[in-house]
PDB file of N, CA and C in Angstrom:
ATOM      1  N   MET A   1      19.995 -24.673  40.265  1.00  0.00           N
ATOM      2  CA  MET A   1      19.710 -23.331  39.840  1.00  0.00           C
ATOM      3  C   MET A   1      18.765 -23.383  38.643  1.00  0.00           C
ATOM      4  N   THR A   2      17.755 -22.539  38.656  1.00  0.00           N
ATOM      5  CA  THR A   2      16.796 -22.470  37.569  1.00  0.00           C
ATOM      6  C   THR A   2      17.392 -21.689  36.403  1.00  0.00           C
ATOM      7  N   VAL A   3      17.261 -22.236  35.202  1.00  0.00           N
ATOM      8  CA  VAL A   3      17.746 -21.564  34.005  1.00  0.00           C
ATOM      9  C   VAL A   3      16.559 -20.868  33.353  1.00  0.00           C
ATOM     10  N   LEU A   4      16.696 -19.584  33.128  1.00  0.00           N
ATOM     11  CA  LEU A   4      15.651 -18.809  32.471  1.00  0.00           C
ATOM     12  C   LEU A   4      16.037 -18.582  31.018  1.00  0.00           C
ATOM     13  N   THR A   5      15.059 -18.693  30.131  1.00  0.00           N
ATOM     14  CA  THR A   5      15.297 -18.473  28.715  1.00  0.00           C
ATOM     15  C   THR A   5      14.475 -17.272  28.262  1.00  0.00           C
ATOM     16  N   LYS A   6      15.121 -16.327  27.644  1.00  0.00           N
ATOM     17  CA  LYS A   6      14.454 -15.130  27.162  1.00  0.00           C
ATOM     18  C   LYS A   6      13.848 -15.431  25.794  1.00  0.00           C
ATOM     19  N   GLY A   7      12.584 -15.142  25.646  1.00  0.00           N
ATOM     20  CA  GLY A   7      11.921 -15.287  24.358  1.00  0.00           C
ATOM     21  C   GLY A   7      11.996 -13.984  23.581  1.00  0.00           C
ATOM     22  N   PRO A   8      11.376 -13.963  22.415  1.00  0.00           N
ATOM     23  CA  PRO A   8      11.376 -12.739  21.618  1.00  0.00           C
ATOM     24  C   PRO A   8      10.730 -11.575  22.365  1.00  0.00           C
ATOM     25  N   VAL A   9      11.310 -10.405  22.214  1.00  0.00           N
ATOM     26  CA  VAL A   9      10.810  -9.186  22.834  1.00  0.00           C
ATOM     27  C   VAL A   9      10.095  -8.372  21.762  1.00  0.00           C
ATOM     28  N   ALA A  10       9.002  -7.751  22.136  1.00  0.00           N
ATOM     29  CA  ALA A  10       8.208  -6.966  21.188  1.00  0.00           C
ATOM     30  C   ALA A  10       9.060  -5.967  20.430  1.00  0.00           C
ATOM     31  N   GLY A  11       9.033  -6.083  19.103  1.00  0.00           N
ATOM     32  CA  GLY A  11       9.714  -5.134  18.243  1.00  0.00           C
ATOM     33  C   GLY A  11      11.221  -5.187  18.239  1.00  0.00           C
ATOM     34  N   GLU A  12      11.816  -6.185  18.880  1.00  0.00           N
ATOM     35  CA  GLU A  12      13.271  -6.215  18.947  1.00  0.00           C
ATOM     36  C   GLU A  12      13.918  -6.457  17.591  1.00  0.00           C
ATOM     37  N   CYS A  13      13.148  -6.894  16.613  1.00  0.00           N
ATOM     38  CA  CYS A  13      13.696  -7.102  15.272  1.00  0.00           C
ATOM     39  C   CYS A  13      13.936  -5.787  14.548  1.00  0.00           C
ATOM     40  N   ILE A  14      13.316  -4.704  15.013  1.00  0.00           N
ATOM     41  CA  ILE A  14      13.365  -3.426  14.298  1.00  0.00           C
ATOM     42  C   ILE A  14      14.702  -2.729  14.516  1.00  0.00           C
ATOM     43  N   ILE A  15      15.406  -2.501  13.421  1.00  0.00           N
ATOM     44  CA  ILE A  15      16.645  -1.726  13.444  1.00  0.00           C
ATOM     45  C   ILE A  15      16.290  -0.249  13.279  1.00  0.00           C
ATOM     46  N   SER A  16      15.439   0.042  12.303  1.00  0.00           N
ATOM     47  CA  SER A  16      14.981   1.413  12.091  1.00  0.00           C
ATOM     48  C   SER A  16      13.621   1.372  11.409  1.00  0.00           C
ATOM     49  N   GLU A  17      12.873   2.463  11.583  1.00  0.00           N
ATOM     50  CA  GLU A  17      11.559   2.575  10.958  1.00  0.00           C
ATOM     51  C   GLU A  17      11.252   4.037  10.715  1.00  0.00           C
ATOM     52  N   GLY A  18      10.216   4.298   9.933  1.00  0.00           N
ATOM     53  CA  GLY A  18       9.839   5.668   9.614  1.00  0.00           C
ATOM     54  C   GLY A  18       9.347   6.426  10.836  1.00  0.00           C
ATOM     55  N   ALA A  19       9.553   7.735  10.804  1.00  0.00           N
ATOM     56  CA  ALA A  19       9.147   8.605  11.908  1.00  0.00           C
ATOM     57  C   ALA A  19       7.634   8.691  12.032  1.00  0.00           C
ATOM     58  N   HIS A  20       7.180   8.977  13.246  1.00  0.00           N
ATOM     59  CA  HIS A  20       5.771   9.251  13.539  1.00  0.00           C
ATOM     60  C   HIS A  20       4.844   8.092  13.167  1.00  0.00           C
ATOM     61  N   GLY A  21       5.301   6.873  13.327  1.00  0.00           N
ATOM     62  CA  GLY A  21       4.464   5.700  13.072  1.00  0.00           C
ATOM     63  C   GLY A  21       4.263   5.374  11.608  1.00  0.00           C
ATOM     64  N   PHE A  22       5.035   5.987  10.712  1.00  0.00           N
ATOM     65  CA  PHE A  22       4.862   5.770   9.277  1.00  0.00           C
ATOM     66  C   PHE A  22       4.967   4.299   8.880  1.00  0.00           C
ATOM     67  N   SER A  23       5.828   3.532   9.544  1.00  0.00           N
ATOM     68  CA  SER A  23       6.072   2.134   9.174  1.00  0.00           C
ATOM     69  C   SER A  23       5.023   1.166   9.698  1.00  0.00           C
ATOM     70  N   ARG A  24       4.143   1.658  10.584  1.00  0.00           N
ATOM     71  CA  ARG A  24       3.209   0.776  11.290  1.00  0.00           C
ATOM     72  C   ARG A  24       1.759   0.993  10.861  1.00  0.00           C
ATOM     73  N   ASP A  25       0.994  -0.065  10.996  1.00  0.00           N
ATOM     74  CA  ASP A  25      -0.454  -0.037  10.840  1.00  0.00           C
ATOM     75  C   ASP A  25      -1.032  -0.991  11.868  1.00  0.00           C
ATOM     76  N   THR A  26      -2.332  -0.965  12.000  1.00  0.00           N
ATOM     77  CA  THR A  26      -3.030  -1.920  12.839  1.00  0.00           C
ATOM     78  C   THR A  26      -3.800  -2.850  11.924  1.00  0.00           C
ATOM     79  N   GLY A  27      -3.775  -4.140  12.230  1.00  0.00           N
ATOM     80  CA  GLY A  27      -4.506  -5.105  11.432  1.00  0.00           C
ATOM     81  C   GLY A  27      -5.115  -6.188  12.298  1.00  0.00           C
ATOM     82  N   SER A  28      -6.138  -6.827  11.772  1.00  0.00           N
ATOM     83  CA  SER A  28      -6.828  -7.907  12.476  1.00  0.00           C
ATOM     84  C   SER A  28      -6.031  -9.198  12.323  1.00  0.00           C
ATOM     85  N   VAL A  29      -5.480  -9.678  13.430  1.00  0.00           N
ATOM     86  CA  VAL A  29      -4.645 -10.886  13.440  1.00  0.00           C
ATOM     87  C   VAL A  29      -5.465 -12.047  13.995  1.00  0.00           C
ATOM     88  N   VAL A  30      -5.489 -13.152  13.248  1.00  0.00           N
ATOM     89  CA  VAL A  30      -6.242 -14.340  13.647  1.00  0.00           C
ATOM     90  C   VAL A  30      -5.256 -15.418  14.083  1.00  0.00           C
ATOM     91  N   VAL A  31      -5.376 -15.817  15.351  1.00  0.00           N
ATOM     92  CA  VAL A  31      -4.495 -16.847  15.915  1.00  0.00           C
ATOM     93  C   VAL A  31      -5.337 -18.089  16.199  1.00  0.00           C
ATOM     94  N   PRO A  32      -4.950 -19.251  15.641  1.00  0.00           N
ATOM     95  CA  PRO A  32      -5.714 -20.492  15.876  1.00  0.00           C
ATOM     96  C   PRO A  32      -5.781 -20.860  17.356  1.00  0.00           C
ATOM     97  N   ALA A  33      -6.765 -21.681  17.693  1.00  0.00           N
ATOM     98  CA  ALA A  33      -6.962 -22.140  19.069  1.00  0.00           C
ATOM     99  C   ALA A  33      -5.680 -22.771  19.617  1.00  0.00           C
ATOM    100  N   ASP A  34      -5.419 -22.503  20.885  1.00  0.00           N
ATOM    101  CA  ASP A  34      -4.272 -23.064  21.602  1.00  0.00           C
ATOM    102  C   ASP A  34      -2.927 -22.727  20.972  1.00  0.00           C
ATOM    103  N   GLU A  35      -2.865 -21.579  20.311  1.00  0.00           N
ATOM    104  CA  GLU A  35      -1.610 -21.148  19.708  1.00  0.00           C
ATOM    105  C   GLU A  35      -1.351 -19.700  20.110  1.00  0.00           C
ATOM    106  N   THR A  36      -0.103 -19.302  20.063  1.00  0.00           N
ATOM    107  CA  THR A  36       0.297 -17.928  20.323  1.00  0.00           C
ATOM    108  C   THR A  36       1.270 -17.515  19.233  1.00  0.00           C
ATOM    109  N   PHE A  37       1.116 -16.306  18.715  1.00  0.00           N
ATOM    110  CA  PHE A  37       2.096 -15.750  17.783  1.00  0.00           C
ATOM    111  C   PHE A  37       3.047 -14.900  18.607  1.00  0.00           C
ATOM    112  N   LEU A  38       4.308 -15.211  18.540  1.00  0.00           N
ATOM    113  CA  LEU A  38       5.323 -14.470  19.273  1.00  0.00           C
ATOM    114  C   LEU A  38       5.582 -13.120  18.614  1.00  0.00           C
ATOM    115  N   PRO A  39       6.115 -12.171  19.364  1.00  0.00           N
ATOM    116  CA  PRO A  39       6.507 -10.907  18.742  1.00  0.00           C
ATOM    117  C   PRO A  39       7.481 -11.180  17.594  1.00  0.00           C
ATOM    118  N   ASN A  40       7.414 -10.350  16.565  1.00  0.00           N
ATOM    119  CA  ASN A  40       8.320 -10.416  15.407  1.00  0.00           C
ATOM    120  C   ASN A  40       7.991 -11.559  14.449  1.00  0.00           C
ATOM    121  N   THR A  41       6.767 -12.099  14.542  1.00  0.00           N
ATOM    122  CA  THR A  41       6.331 -13.162  13.635  1.00  0.00           C
ATOM    123  C   THR A  41       5.998 -12.576  12.271  1.00  0.00           C
ATOM    124  N   VAL A  42       6.451 -13.240  11.222  1.00  0.00           N
ATOM    125  CA  VAL A  42       6.162 -12.826   9.851  1.00  0.00           C
ATOM    126  C   VAL A  42       4.751 -13.302   9.511  1.00  0.00           C
ATOM    127  N   LEU A  43       3.918 -12.370   9.046  1.00  0.00           N
ATOM    128  CA  LEU A  43       2.516 -12.656   8.758  1.00  0.00           C
ATOM    129  C   LEU A  43       2.205 -12.499   7.272  1.00  0.00           C
ATOM    130  N   GLY A  44       1.205 -13.259   6.826  1.00  0.00           N
ATOM    131  CA  GLY A  44       0.639 -13.086   5.499  1.00  0.00           C
ATOM    132  C   GLY A  44      -0.778 -12.576   5.669  1.00  0.00           C
ATOM    133  N   GLN A  45      -1.356 -12.058   4.587  1.00  0.00           N
ATOM    134  CA  GLN A  45      -2.711 -11.522   4.671  1.00  0.00           C
ATOM    135  C   GLN A  45      -3.651 -12.340   3.805  1.00  0.00           C
ATOM    136  N   VAL A  46      -4.744 -12.801   4.423  1.00  0.00           N
ATOM    137  CA  VAL A  46      -5.765 -13.574   3.712  1.00  0.00           C
ATOM    138  C   VAL A  46      -6.506 -12.616   2.791  1.00  0.00           C
ATOM    139  N   THR A  47      -6.523 -12.917   1.511  1.00  0.00           N
ATOM    140  CA  THR A  47      -7.124 -12.035   0.515  1.00  0.00           C
ATOM    141  C   THR A  47      -8.621 -11.847   0.726  1.00  0.00           C
ATOM    142  N   ALA A  48      -9.345 -12.905   1.050  1.00  0.00           N
ATOM    143  CA  ALA A  48     -10.811 -12.853   1.135  1.00  0.00           C
ATOM    144  C   ALA A  48     -11.327 -11.919   2.223  1.00  0.00           C
ATOM    145  N   ASN A  49     -10.650 -11.870   3.377  1.00  0.00           N
ATOM    146  CA  ASN A  49     -11.173 -11.051   4.476  1.00  0.00           C
ATOM    147  C   ASN A  49     -10.155 -10.048   5.037  1.00  0.00           C
ATOM    148  N   GLU A  50      -8.982  -9.990   4.435  1.00  0.00           N
ATOM    149  CA  GLU A  50      -7.916  -9.052   4.800  1.00  0.00           C
ATOM    150  C   GLU A  50      -7.404  -9.205   6.235  1.00  0.00           C
ATOM    151  N   THR A  51      -7.605 -10.374   6.833  1.00  0.00           N
ATOM    152  CA  THR A  51      -7.028 -10.638   8.147  1.00  0.00           C
ATOM    153  C   THR A  51      -5.597 -11.138   7.972  1.00  0.00           C
ATOM    154  N   PHE A  52      -4.840 -11.065   9.049  1.00  0.00           N
ATOM    155  CA  PHE A  52      -3.453 -11.506   9.024  1.00  0.00           C
ATOM    156  C   PHE A  52      -3.320 -12.826   9.784  1.00  0.00           C
ATOM    157  N   VAL A  53      -2.575 -13.752   9.209  1.00  0.00           N
ATOM    158  CA  VAL A  53      -2.280 -15.047   9.811  1.00  0.00           C
ATOM    159  C   VAL A  53      -0.790 -15.305   9.624  1.00  0.00           C
ATOM    160  N   LYS A  54      -0.304 -16.363  10.226  1.00  0.00           N
ATOM    161  CA  LYS A  54       1.113 -16.685  10.088  1.00  0.00           C
ATOM    162  C   LYS A  54       1.434 -16.977   8.622  1.00  0.00           C
ATOM    163  N   TYR A  55       2.462 -16.310   8.121  1.00  0.00           N
ATOM    164  CA  TYR A  55       2.933 -16.547   6.756  1.00  0.00           C
ATOM    165  C   TYR A  55       3.350 -18.001   6.597  1.00  0.00           C
ATOM    166  N   ASP A  56       2.911 -18.621   5.508  1.00  0.00           N
ATOM    167  CA  ASP A  56       3.319 -19.986   5.180  1.00  0.00           C
ATOM    168  C   ASP A  56       3.196 -20.160   3.672  1.00  0.00           C
ATOM    169  N   PRO A  57       4.296 -20.444   2.969  1.00  0.00           N
ATOM    170  CA  PRO A  57       4.248 -20.579   1.520  1.00  0.00           C
ATOM    171  C   PRO A  57       3.389 -21.760   1.051  1.00  0.00           C
ATOM    172  N   ALA A  58       3.004 -22.655   1.960  1.00  0.00           N
ATOM    173  CA  ALA A  58       2.134 -23.786   1.597  1.00  0.00           C
ATOM    174  C   ALA A  58       0.667 -23.353   1.492  1.00  0.00           C
ATOM    175  N   ASN A  59       0.329 -22.188   2.017  1.00  0.00           N
ATOM    176  CA  ASN A  59      -1.049 -21.699   1.950  1.00  0.00           C
ATOM    177  C   ASN A  59      -1.385 -21.238   0.534  1.00  0.00           C
ATOM    178  N   SER A  60      -2.679 -21.079   0.264  1.00  0.00           N
ATOM    179  CA  SER A  60      -3.099 -20.601  -1.059  1.00  0.00           C
ATOM    180  C   SER A  60      -4.246 -19.603  -0.932  1.00  0.00           C
ATOM    181  N   ASP A  61      -4.250 -18.854   0.162  1.00  0.00           N
ATOM    182  CA  ASP A  61      -5.329 -17.894   0.422  1.00  0.00           C
ATOM    183  C   ASP A  61      -4.829 -16.452   0.452  1.00  0.00           C
ATOM    184  N   GLY A  62      -3.615 -16.232   0.001  1.00  0.00           N
ATOM    185  CA  GLY A  62      -2.985 -14.914   0.053  1.00  0.00           C
ATOM    186  C   GLY A  62      -1.910 -14.843   1.107  1.00  0.00           C
ATOM    187  N   SER A  63      -2.035 -15.680   2.144  1.00  0.00           N
ATOM    188  CA  SER A  63      -1.057 -15.649   3.238  1.00  0.00           C
ATOM    189  C   SER A  63       0.226 -16.396   2.906  1.00  0.00           C
ATOM    190  N   GLU A  64       0.340 -16.850   1.668  1.00  0.00           N
ATOM    191  CA  GLU A  64       1.586 -17.476   1.229  1.00  0.00           C
ATOM    192  C   GLU A  64       2.642 -16.422   0.877  1.00  0.00           C
ATOM    193  N   THR A  65       2.267 -15.161   0.958  1.00  0.00           N
ATOM    194  CA  THR A  65       3.168 -14.043   0.699  1.00  0.00           C
ATOM    195  C   THR A  65       3.257 -13.185   1.958  1.00  0.00           C
ATOM    196  N   PRO A  66       4.466 -12.882   2.432  1.00  0.00           N
ATOM    197  CA  PRO A  66       4.584 -12.029   3.611  1.00  0.00           C
ATOM    198  C   PRO A  66       3.967 -10.650   3.371  1.00  0.00           C
ATOM    199  N   ALA A  67       3.227 -10.160   4.373  1.00  0.00           N
ATOM    200  CA  ALA A  67       2.556  -8.872   4.249  1.00  0.00           C
ATOM    201  C   ALA A  67       2.836  -7.950   5.432  1.00  0.00           C
ATOM    202  N   ALA A  68       3.384  -8.491   6.519  1.00  0.00           N
ATOM    203  CA  ALA A  68       3.615  -7.675   7.719  1.00  0.00           C
ATOM    204  C   ALA A  68       4.460  -8.459   8.717  1.00  0.00           C
ATOM    205  N   ILE A  69       4.936  -7.740   9.720  1.00  0.00           N
ATOM    206  CA  ILE A  69       5.625  -8.358  10.848  1.00  0.00           C
ATOM    207  C   ILE A  69       4.876  -7.931  12.108  1.00  0.00           C
ATOM    208  N   LEU A  70       4.465  -8.917  12.886  1.00  0.00           N
ATOM    209  CA  LEU A  70       3.762  -8.664  14.135  1.00  0.00           C
ATOM    210  C   LEU A  70       4.727  -8.055  15.146  1.00  0.00           C
ATOM    211  N   ILE A  71       4.340  -6.950  15.760  1.00  0.00           N
ATOM    212  CA  ILE A  71       5.238  -6.288  16.695  1.00  0.00           C
ATOM    213  C   ILE A  71       5.092  -6.856  18.105  1.00  0.00           C
ATOM    214  N   TYR A  72       3.858  -7.077  18.547  1.00  0.00           N
ATOM    215  CA  TYR A  72       3.600  -7.594  19.895  1.00  0.00           C
ATOM    216  C   TYR A  72       3.012  -8.994  19.822  1.00  0.00           C
ATOM    217  N   ARG A  73       3.087  -9.717  20.895  1.00  0.00           N
ATOM    218  CA  ARG A  73       2.524 -11.064  21.007  1.00  0.00           C
ATOM    219  C   ARG A  73       1.016 -11.048  20.730  1.00  0.00           C
ATOM    220  N   ALA A  74       0.522 -12.132  20.133  1.00  0.00           N
ATOM    221  CA  ALA A  74      -0.919 -12.282  19.895  1.00  0.00           C
ATOM    222  C   ALA A  74      -1.339 -13.667  20.373  1.00  0.00           C
ATOM    223  N   ASP A  75      -2.387 -13.712  21.182  1.00  0.00           N
ATOM    224  CA  ASP A  75      -2.894 -14.972  21.713  1.00  0.00           C
ATOM    225  C   ASP A  75      -4.098 -15.454  20.915  1.00  0.00           C
ATOM    226  N   THR A  76      -4.548 -16.669  21.212  1.00  0.00           N
ATOM    227  CA  THR A  76      -5.677 -17.304  20.526  1.00  0.00           C
ATOM    228  C   THR A  76      -6.829 -16.326  20.327  1.00  0.00           C
ATOM    229  N   GLY A  77      -7.387 -16.348  19.117  1.00  0.00           N
ATOM    230  CA  GLY A  77      -8.533 -15.501  18.798  1.00  0.00           C
ATOM    231  C   GLY A  77      -8.184 -14.470  17.750  1.00  0.00           C
ATOM    232  N   THR A  78      -9.049 -13.485  17.616  1.00  0.00           N
ATOM    233  CA  THR A  78      -8.857 -12.407  16.650  1.00  0.00           C
ATOM    234  C   THR A  78      -8.762 -11.089  17.400  1.00  0.00           C
ATOM    235  N   ALA A  79      -7.736 -10.315  17.090  1.00  0.00           N
ATOM    236  CA  ALA A  79      -7.563  -9.021  17.748  1.00  0.00           C
ATOM    237  C   ALA A  79      -6.794  -8.087  16.832  1.00  0.00           C
ATOM    238  N   ASP A  80      -7.058  -6.794  16.963  1.00  0.00           N
ATOM    239  CA  ASP A  80      -6.287  -5.806  16.233  1.00  0.00           C
ATOM    240  C   ASP A  80      -4.932  -5.660  16.915  1.00  0.00           C
ATOM    241  N   LYS A  81      -3.889  -5.728  16.109  1.00  0.00           N
ATOM    242  CA  LYS A  81      -2.527  -5.663  16.627  1.00  0.00           C
ATOM    243  C   LYS A  81      -1.687  -4.707  15.803  1.00  0.00           C
ATOM    244  N   ALA A  82      -0.629  -4.182  16.409  1.00  0.00           N
ATOM    245  CA  ALA A  82       0.319  -3.312  15.722  1.00  0.00           C
ATOM    246  C   ALA A  82       1.183  -4.159  14.793  1.00  0.00           C
ATOM    247  N   LEU A  83       1.324  -3.686  13.556  1.00  0.00           N
ATOM    248  CA  LEU A  83       2.080  -4.409  12.540  1.00  0.00           C
ATOM    249  C   LEU A  83       3.094  -3.488  11.888  1.00  0.00           C
ATOM    250  N   LEU A  84       4.230  -4.040  11.553  1.00  0.00           N
ATOM    251  CA  LEU A  84       5.224  -3.337  10.755  1.00  0.00           C
ATOM    252  C   LEU A  84       4.911  -3.690   9.304  1.00  0.00           C
ATOM    253  N   VAL A  85       4.587  -2.696   8.491  1.00  0.00           N
ATOM    254  CA  VAL A  85       4.116  -2.994   7.133  1.00  0.00           C
ATOM    255  C   VAL A  85       4.901  -2.313   6.022  1.00  0.00           C
ATOM    256  N   ARG A  86       5.773  -1.347   6.348  1.00  0.00           N
ATOM    257  CA  ARG A  86       6.485  -0.629   5.285  1.00  0.00           C
ATOM    258  C   ARG A  86       7.701   0.108   5.851  1.00  0.00           C
ATOM    259  N   HIS A  87       8.589   0.479   4.966  1.00  0.00           N
ATOM    260  CA  HIS A  87       9.693   1.404   5.242  1.00  0.00           C
ATOM    261  C   HIS A  87      10.377   1.142   6.585  1.00  0.00           C
ATOM    262  N   ALA A  88      11.104   0.020   6.647  1.00  0.00           N
ATOM    263  CA  ALA A  88      11.805  -0.326   7.886  1.00  0.00           C
ATOM    264  C   ALA A  88      12.987  -1.227   7.573  1.00  0.00           C
ATOM    265  N   GLN A  89      13.879  -1.338   8.544  1.00  0.00           N
ATOM    266  CA  GLN A  89      14.955  -2.319   8.497  1.00  0.00           C
ATOM    267  C   GLN A  89      14.797  -3.226   9.705  1.00  0.00           C
ATOM    268  N   VAL A  90      14.943  -4.540   9.498  1.00  0.00           N
ATOM    269  CA  VAL A  90      14.786  -5.502  10.586  1.00  0.00           C
ATOM    270  C   VAL A  90      15.947  -6.496  10.582  1.00  0.00           C
ATOM    271  N   ARG A  91      16.191  -7.098  11.737  1.00  0.00           N
ATOM    272  CA  ARG A  91      17.227  -8.130  11.880  1.00  0.00           C
ATOM    273  C   ARG A  91      16.639  -9.507  11.559  1.00  0.00           C
ATOM    274  N   ALA A  92      17.254 -10.195  10.639  1.00  0.00           N
ATOM    275  CA  ALA A  92      16.804 -11.529  10.244  1.00  0.00           C
ATOM    276  C   ALA A  92      16.784 -12.487  11.435  1.00  0.00           C
ATOM    277  N   ALA A  93      17.781 -12.411  12.281  1.00  0.00           N
ATOM    278  CA  ALA A  93      17.903 -13.352  13.406  1.00  0.00           C
ATOM    279  C   ALA A  93      16.758 -13.235  14.398  1.00  0.00           C
ATOM    280  N   ASP A  94      16.063 -12.092  14.410  1.00  0.00           N
ATOM    281  CA  ASP A  94      14.980 -11.877  15.374  1.00  0.00           C
ATOM    282  C   ASP A  94      13.595 -12.197  14.814  1.00  0.00           C
ATOM    283  N   LEU A  95      13.503 -12.481  13.522  1.00  0.00           N
ATOM    284  CA  LEU A  95      12.200 -12.780  12.931  1.00  0.00           C
ATOM    285  C   LEU A  95      11.753 -14.187  13.298  1.00  0.00           C
ATOM    286  N   VAL A  96      10.448 -14.356  13.479  1.00  0.00           N
ATOM    287  CA  VAL A  96       9.862 -15.652  13.837  1.00  0.00           C
ATOM    288  C   VAL A  96       9.047 -16.147  12.646  1.00  0.00           C
ATOM    289  N   PHE A  97       9.317 -17.379  12.236  1.00  0.00           N
ATOM    290  CA  PHE A  97       8.636 -17.994  11.100  1.00  0.00           C
ATOM    291  C   PHE A  97       7.804 -19.194  11.549  1.00  0.00           C
ATOM    292  N   PHE A  98       7.033 -19.713  10.622  1.00  0.00           N
ATOM    293  CA  PHE A  98       6.259 -20.926  10.869  1.00  0.00           C
ATOM    294  C   PHE A  98       7.215 -22.077  11.166  1.00  0.00           C
ATOM    295  N   ASP A  99       6.736 -23.079  11.899  1.00  0.00           N
ATOM    296  CA  ASP A  99       7.567 -24.235  12.240  1.00  0.00           C
ATOM    297  C   ASP A  99       8.049 -24.928  10.972  1.00  0.00           C
ATOM    298  N   GLY A 100       9.323 -25.232  10.937  1.00  0.00           N
ATOM    299  CA  GLY A 100       9.888 -25.965   9.817  1.00  0.00           C
ATOM    300  C   GLY A 100      10.296 -25.113   8.634  1.00  0.00           C
ATOM    301  N   ALA A 101      10.304 -23.794   8.784  1.00  0.00           N
ATOM    302  CA  ALA A 101      10.705 -22.919   7.674  1.00  0.00           C
ATOM    303  C   ALA A 101      12.157 -23.204   7.297  1.00  0.00           C
ATOM    304  N   SER A 102      12.381 -23.419   6.023  1.00  0.00           N
ATOM    305  CA  SER A 102      13.734 -23.702   5.538  1.00  0.00           C
ATOM    306  C   SER A 102      14.470 -22.391   5.260  1.00  0.00           C
ATOM    307  N   PRO A 103      15.787 -22.442   5.193  1.00  0.00           N
ATOM    308  CA  PRO A 103      16.538 -21.232   4.850  1.00  0.00           C
ATOM    309  C   PRO A 103      16.094 -20.639   3.506  1.00  0.00           C
ATOM    310  N   ALA A 104      15.778 -21.479   2.539  1.00  0.00           N
ATOM    311  CA  ALA A 104      15.312 -20.989   1.235  1.00  0.00           C
ATOM    312  C   ALA A 104      13.967 -20.284   1.362  1.00  0.00           C
ATOM    313  N   GLN A 105      13.062 -20.820   2.169  1.00  0.00           N
ATOM    314  CA  GLN A 105      11.759 -20.187   2.377  1.00  0.00           C
ATOM    315  C   GLN A 105      11.913 -18.855   3.102  1.00  0.00           C
ATOM    316  N   MET A 106      12.835 -18.800   4.052  1.00  0.00           N
ATOM    317  CA  MET A 106      13.077 -17.543   4.761  1.00  0.00           C
ATOM    318  C   MET A 106      13.678 -16.505   3.820  1.00  0.00           C
ATOM    319  N   GLN A 107      14.600 -16.928   2.959  1.00  0.00           N
ATOM    320  CA  GLN A 107      15.198 -15.991   2.005  1.00  0.00           C
ATOM    321  C   GLN A 107      14.143 -15.465   1.040  1.00  0.00           C
ATOM    322  N   THR A 108      13.239 -16.323   0.598  1.00  0.00           N
ATOM    323  CA  THR A 108      12.142 -15.876  -0.260  1.00  0.00           C
ATOM    324  C   THR A 108      11.295 -14.843   0.468  1.00  0.00           C
ATOM    325  N   ALA A 109      11.012 -15.082   1.749  1.00  0.00           N
ATOM    326  CA  ALA A 109      10.243 -14.122   2.549  1.00  0.00           C
ATOM    327  C   ALA A 109      10.988 -12.793   2.655  1.00  0.00           C
ATOM    328  N   TYR A 110      12.304 -12.831   2.854  1.00  0.00           N
ATOM    329  CA  TYR A 110      13.089 -11.602   2.933  1.00  0.00           C
ATOM    330  C   TYR A 110      12.962 -10.807   1.634  1.00  0.00           C
ATOM    331  N   ASP A 111      13.041 -11.516   0.510  1.00  0.00           N
ATOM    332  CA  ASP A 111      12.927 -10.866  -0.795  1.00  0.00           C
ATOM    333  C   ASP A 111      11.540 -10.251  -0.983  1.00  0.00           C
ATOM    334  N   GLU A 112      10.512 -10.945  -0.516  1.00  0.00           N
ATOM    335  CA  GLU A 112       9.146 -10.439  -0.648  1.00  0.00           C
ATOM    336  C   GLU A 112       8.883  -9.280   0.306  1.00  0.00           C
ATOM    337  N   LEU A 113       9.476  -9.319   1.501  1.00  0.00           N
ATOM    338  CA  LEU A 113       9.349  -8.187   2.427  1.00  0.00           C
ATOM    339  C   LEU A 113      10.001  -6.937   1.832  1.00  0.00           C
ATOM    340  N   LYS A 114      11.054  -7.145   1.064  1.00  0.00           N
ATOM    341  CA  LYS A 114      11.738  -6.013   0.435  1.00  0.00           C
ATOM    342  C   LYS A 114      10.799  -5.241  -0.490  1.00  0.00           C
ATOM    343  N   THR A 115       9.860  -5.938  -1.134  1.00  0.00           N
ATOM    344  CA  THR A 115       8.901  -5.245  -2.013  1.00  0.00           C
ATOM    345  C   THR A 115       7.988  -4.319  -1.223  1.00  0.00           C
ATOM    346  N   LEU A 116       7.864  -4.551   0.094  1.00  0.00           N
ATOM    347  CA  LEU A 116       7.073  -3.684   0.975  1.00  0.00           C
ATOM    348  C   LEU A 116       7.915  -2.537   1.535  1.00  0.00           C
ATOM    349  N   GLY A 117       9.192  -2.586   1.230  1.00  0.00           N
ATOM    350  CA  GLY A 117      10.100  -1.581   1.792  1.00  0.00           C
ATOM    351  C   GLY A 117      10.668  -2.004   3.134  1.00  0.00           C
ATOM    352  N   ILE A 118      10.481  -3.280   3.497  1.00  0.00           N
ATOM    353  CA  ILE A 118      11.052  -3.808   4.732  1.00  0.00           C
ATOM    354  C   ILE A 118      12.329  -4.560   4.355  1.00  0.00           C
ATOM    355  N   ILE A 119      13.460  -4.006   4.736  1.00  0.00           N
ATOM    356  CA  ILE A 119      14.750  -4.575   4.391  1.00  0.00           C
ATOM    357  C   ILE A 119      15.216  -5.457   5.542  1.00  0.00           C
ATOM    358  N   VAL A 120      15.540  -6.706   5.225  1.00  0.00           N
ATOM    359  CA  VAL A 120      16.010  -7.661   6.234  1.00  0.00           C
ATOM    360  C   VAL A 120      17.521  -7.690   6.192  1.00  0.00           C
ATOM    361  N   ARG A 121      18.132  -7.447   7.325  1.00  0.00           N
ATOM    362  CA  ARG A 121      19.610  -7.408   7.428  1.00  0.00           C
ATOM    363  C   ARG A 121      20.134  -8.614   8.161  1.00  0.00           C
TER     364      ARG A 121
END
């Protein structure tokens, strides 16, 4: 029998958000070659060009600070995508982080998302 594994579903991390799209914006997401960003990935924003990339505290271009949560999957390249950027509650268990993220790094991200009004439960 074939075993199927369900991956992250678009926006499944969202517990609640502001009415009429208040919590969402569209942003330019840059995905490296041969990579895919899954739904609910925590993103940082590159200061120089205001694009969004995967959040990683090891970076030093602005993306070392969480700035948004990707709602839908993003494939290799650059594309405008729906982002959760403010006034929302999300489930910690559904968020997707960079490979090797430690519990301490995730907790720091939760604290930084709180400054955006995104509360991680």
